[in-house]
């Protein structure tokens, strides 16, 4: 497998050759999809096995980091404290194109996977800023009360500095699987 990297908007984009390279998203599309998606999945290594959990998040284009809100205790925090290497995934399914044979069905989807190093944000002012961005994202800008540093002390924020990112989509019928 050929592996190359390039930088787009400050993020290292992984250039691994896909088996179905017609499904690879353009780099800008992958970043845009990550910005607009609502539900993400955080993957960490916990207790000797992979652990994946759905999370609410915000992606900060300026710092090239994902921020995740979570409780003050839990398995994902324990895992991050031991090993910050993590991955993050967003996806959507837009339909299925049926065919005459099962192997010719086509799934219409988009997905982005990011890899990085997760850390716990300790600064309550930064936590409040992140939580306010998350509130704005999920309330469509309708939130009336800002999160204060005092409120932010009651919760946790995880930061994932993205080291690589790749998007893939099935948006049209493609060639038969090799």
Protein backbone atom coordinates (compact mmCIF):
# COMPACT_ATOMS: atom_id res chain seq x y z
CA UNK A 1 0.00 0.00 0.00
CA UNK A 2 1.37 3.39 -1.01
CA UNK A 3 1.33 6.00 1.76
CA UNK A 4 1.90 9.70 1.17
CA UNK A 5 0.81 12.76 3.07
CA UNK A 6 0.00 16.35 2.17
CA UNK A 7 -1.19 19.32 4.17
CA UNK A 8 -4.59 20.90 3.49
CA UNK A 9 -5.87 23.78 5.62
CA UNK A 10 -3.24 22.86 8.21
CA UNK A 11 -4.27 19.19 8.50
CA UNK A 12 -2.15 16.30 7.31
CA UNK A 13 -4.23 14.37 4.82
CA UNK A 14 -3.31 10.69 4.52
CA UNK A 15 -2.72 9.56 0.98
CA UNK A 16 -3.06 5.78 1.28
CA UNK A 17 -4.08 4.16 -1.93
CA UNK A 18 -7.67 2.95 -1.60
CA UNK A 19 -8.84 -0.25 -3.23
CA UNK A 20 -11.77 1.77 -4.57
CA UNK A 21 -10.03 5.12 -5.10
CA UNK A 22 -13.10 6.54 -6.85
CA UNK A 23 -14.67 6.68 -3.37
CA UNK A 24 -12.05 8.98 -1.84
CA UNK A 25 -13.44 12.40 -0.92
CA UNK A 26 -11.63 15.56 -1.94
CA UNK A 27 -9.72 16.89 1.07
CA UNK A 28 -11.81 20.05 1.41
CA UNK A 29 -15.02 17.97 1.27
CA UNK A 30 -13.76 15.75 4.10
CA UNK A 31 -12.99 18.75 6.32
CA UNK A 32 -16.34 20.39 5.48
CA UNK A 33 -18.19 17.17 6.33
CA UNK A 34 -16.35 16.95 9.67
CA UNK A 35 -17.35 20.56 10.42
CA UNK A 36 -21.04 19.99 9.60
CA UNK A 37 -21.65 16.53 11.09
CA UNK A 38 -23.49 16.32 14.40
CA UNK A 39 -22.62 12.93 15.89
CA UNK A 40 -19.11 11.53 16.09
CA UNK A 41 -17.61 8.32 17.39
CA UNK A 42 -14.49 8.37 19.52
CA UNK A 43 -12.26 5.31 19.45
CA UNK A 44 -9.72 4.66 22.21
CA UNK A 45 -7.86 1.66 23.61
CA UNK A 46 -9.31 0.63 26.96
CA UNK A 47 -8.76 -2.39 29.19
CA UNK A 48 -6.97 -4.33 26.46
CA UNK A 49 -9.58 -3.78 23.74
CA UNK A 50 -10.88 -1.11 21.37
CA UNK A 51 -13.64 1.06 22.82
CA UNK A 52 -15.87 3.23 20.64
CA UNK A 53 -18.45 5.66 21.99
CA UNK A 54 -20.78 8.17 20.29
CA UNK A 55 -20.05 11.78 21.29
CA UNK A 56 -21.08 15.38 20.67
CA UNK A 57 -18.16 17.46 19.45
CA UNK A 58 -16.87 20.63 17.87
CA UNK A 59 -14.10 20.87 15.30
CA UNK A 60 -11.96 23.99 15.56
CA UNK A 61 -10.49 24.72 12.14
CA UNK A 62 -8.03 27.24 13.54
CA UNK A 63 -6.37 24.87 16.04
CA UNK A 64 -6.98 21.74 13.90
CA UNK A 65 -8.47 20.01 16.92
CA UNK A 66 -11.64 18.19 17.87
CA UNK A 67 -13.23 18.98 21.23
CA UNK A 68 -15.56 16.55 22.98
CA UNK A 69 -17.80 17.19 25.98
CA UNK A 70 -18.05 14.40 28.55
CA UNK A 71 -18.71 13.57 32.20
CA UNK A 72 -15.98 13.96 34.81
CA UNK A 73 -15.51 10.20 35.14
CA UNK A 74 -15.66 7.32 32.74
CA UNK A 75 -14.01 4.72 30.61
CA UNK A 76 -12.95 7.07 27.80
CA UNK A 77 -11.21 9.43 30.25
CA UNK A 78 -9.44 6.52 31.93
CA UNK A 79 -8.27 5.28 28.52
CA UNK A 80 -7.03 8.72 27.43
CA UNK A 81 -5.07 9.17 30.64
CA UNK A 82 -3.22 5.91 29.89
CA UNK A 83 -2.84 6.31 26.12
CA UNK A 84 -3.93 9.41 24.22
CA UNK A 85 -3.76 7.83 20.77
CA UNK A 86 -7.28 7.89 19.41
CA UNK A 87 -9.42 8.00 16.32
CA UNK A 88 -12.62 9.82 15.55
CA UNK A 89 -15.26 9.02 12.93
CA UNK A 90 -18.33 10.70 11.45
CA UNK A 91 -20.64 9.21 8.83
CA UNK A 92 -24.01 9.40 7.17
CA UNK A 93 -25.99 6.97 5.05
CA UNK A 94 -27.95 8.55 2.22
CA UNK A 95 -29.53 5.50 0.62
CA UNK A 96 -29.04 2.19 -1.10
CA UNK A 97 -29.10 1.53 -4.82
CA UNK A 98 -30.54 -1.92 -5.41
CA UNK A 99 -29.33 -4.20 -8.17
CA UNK A 100 -30.01 -7.57 -9.75
CA UNK A 101 -27.38 -9.34 -7.66
CA UNK A 102 -26.39 -8.80 -4.00
CA UNK A 103 -22.78 -7.93 -4.87
CA UNK A 104 -23.93 -5.11 -7.15
CA UNK A 105 -25.89 -3.18 -4.51
CA UNK A 106 -24.40 0.24 -3.79
CA UNK A 107 -24.46 2.12 -0.48
CA UNK A 108 -24.65 5.91 -0.72
CA UNK A 109 -22.67 7.27 2.24
CA UNK A 110 -20.00 9.66 3.45
CA UNK A 111 -17.49 9.07 6.23
CA UNK A 112 -14.41 10.76 7.63
CA UNK A 113 -11.87 9.22 9.97
CA UNK A 114 -9.37 11.34 11.89
CA UNK A 115 -6.44 10.12 13.96
CA UNK A 116 -4.73 12.08 16.69
CA UNK A 117 -3.64 12.45 20.27
CA UNK A 118 -6.30 13.07 22.91
CA UNK A 119 -5.68 15.11 26.04
CA UNK A 120 -7.92 16.43 28.79
CA UNK A 121 -8.49 20.19 28.84
CA UNK A 122 -7.87 21.41 32.39
CA UNK A 123 -8.19 25.19 31.98
CA UNK A 124 -11.75 26.21 32.94
CA UNK A 125 -11.71 29.31 30.71
CA UNK A 126 -10.78 27.22 27.66
CA UNK A 127 -13.37 24.59 28.67
CA UNK A 128 -16.06 27.28 28.86
CA UNK A 129 -15.10 28.60 25.40
CA UNK A 130 -15.29 25.08 23.93
CA UNK A 131 -18.58 24.30 25.66
CA UNK A 132 -20.06 27.53 24.30
CA UNK A 133 -19.01 26.55 20.75
CA UNK A 134 -20.59 23.12 21.27
CA UNK A 135 -23.80 24.75 22.58
CA UNK A 136 -23.88 27.05 19.56
CA UNK A 137 -23.42 24.11 17.18
CA UNK A 138 -26.14 21.93 18.67
CA UNK A 139 -28.66 24.67 19.44
CA UNK A 140 -28.36 26.17 15.95
CA UNK A 141 -27.19 29.39 17.61
CA UNK A 142 -30.31 29.63 19.79
CA UNK A 143 -28.61 29.15 23.18
CA UNK A 144 -29.45 32.07 25.44
CA UNK A 145 -27.11 31.41 28.37
CA UNK A 146 -23.33 31.21 28.09
CA UNK A 147 -21.32 28.57 29.90
CA UNK A 148 -19.14 30.25 32.52
CA UNK A 149 -15.80 28.94 33.84
CA UNK A 150 -17.65 28.04 37.07
CA UNK A 151 -20.14 25.92 35.13
CA UNK A 152 -17.30 24.37 33.12
CA UNK A 153 -15.73 23.03 36.32
CA UNK A 154 -18.60 20.54 36.58
CA UNK A 155 -17.77 18.77 33.32
CA UNK A 156 -14.82 17.63 31.21
CA UNK A 157 -13.57 18.46 27.73
CA UNK A 158 -11.33 16.25 25.63
CA UNK A 159 -9.09 17.76 22.94
CA UNK A 160 -7.89 15.66 20.02
CA UNK A 161 -5.06 17.22 18.04
CA UNK A 162 -5.57 15.75 14.58
CA UNK A 163 -2.51 14.18 13.01
CA UNK A 164 -4.23 12.75 9.93
CA UNK A 165 -7.65 12.70 8.31
CA UNK A 166 -9.27 10.90 5.37
CA UNK A 167 -12.74 10.95 3.81
CA UNK A 168 -14.56 8.35 1.75
CA UNK A 169 -17.95 8.31 0.05
CA UNK A 170 -20.22 6.25 -2.11
CA UNK A 171 -22.22 8.72 -4.14
CA UNK A 172 -22.83 7.00 -7.42
CA UNK A 173 -22.78 3.51 -8.87
CA UNK A 174 -19.20 2.42 -9.32
CA UNK A 175 -17.21 -0.27 -10.98
CA UNK A 176 -17.52 -3.86 -9.71
CA UNK A 177 -15.44 -4.70 -6.65
CA UNK A 178 -12.01 -6.06 -7.69
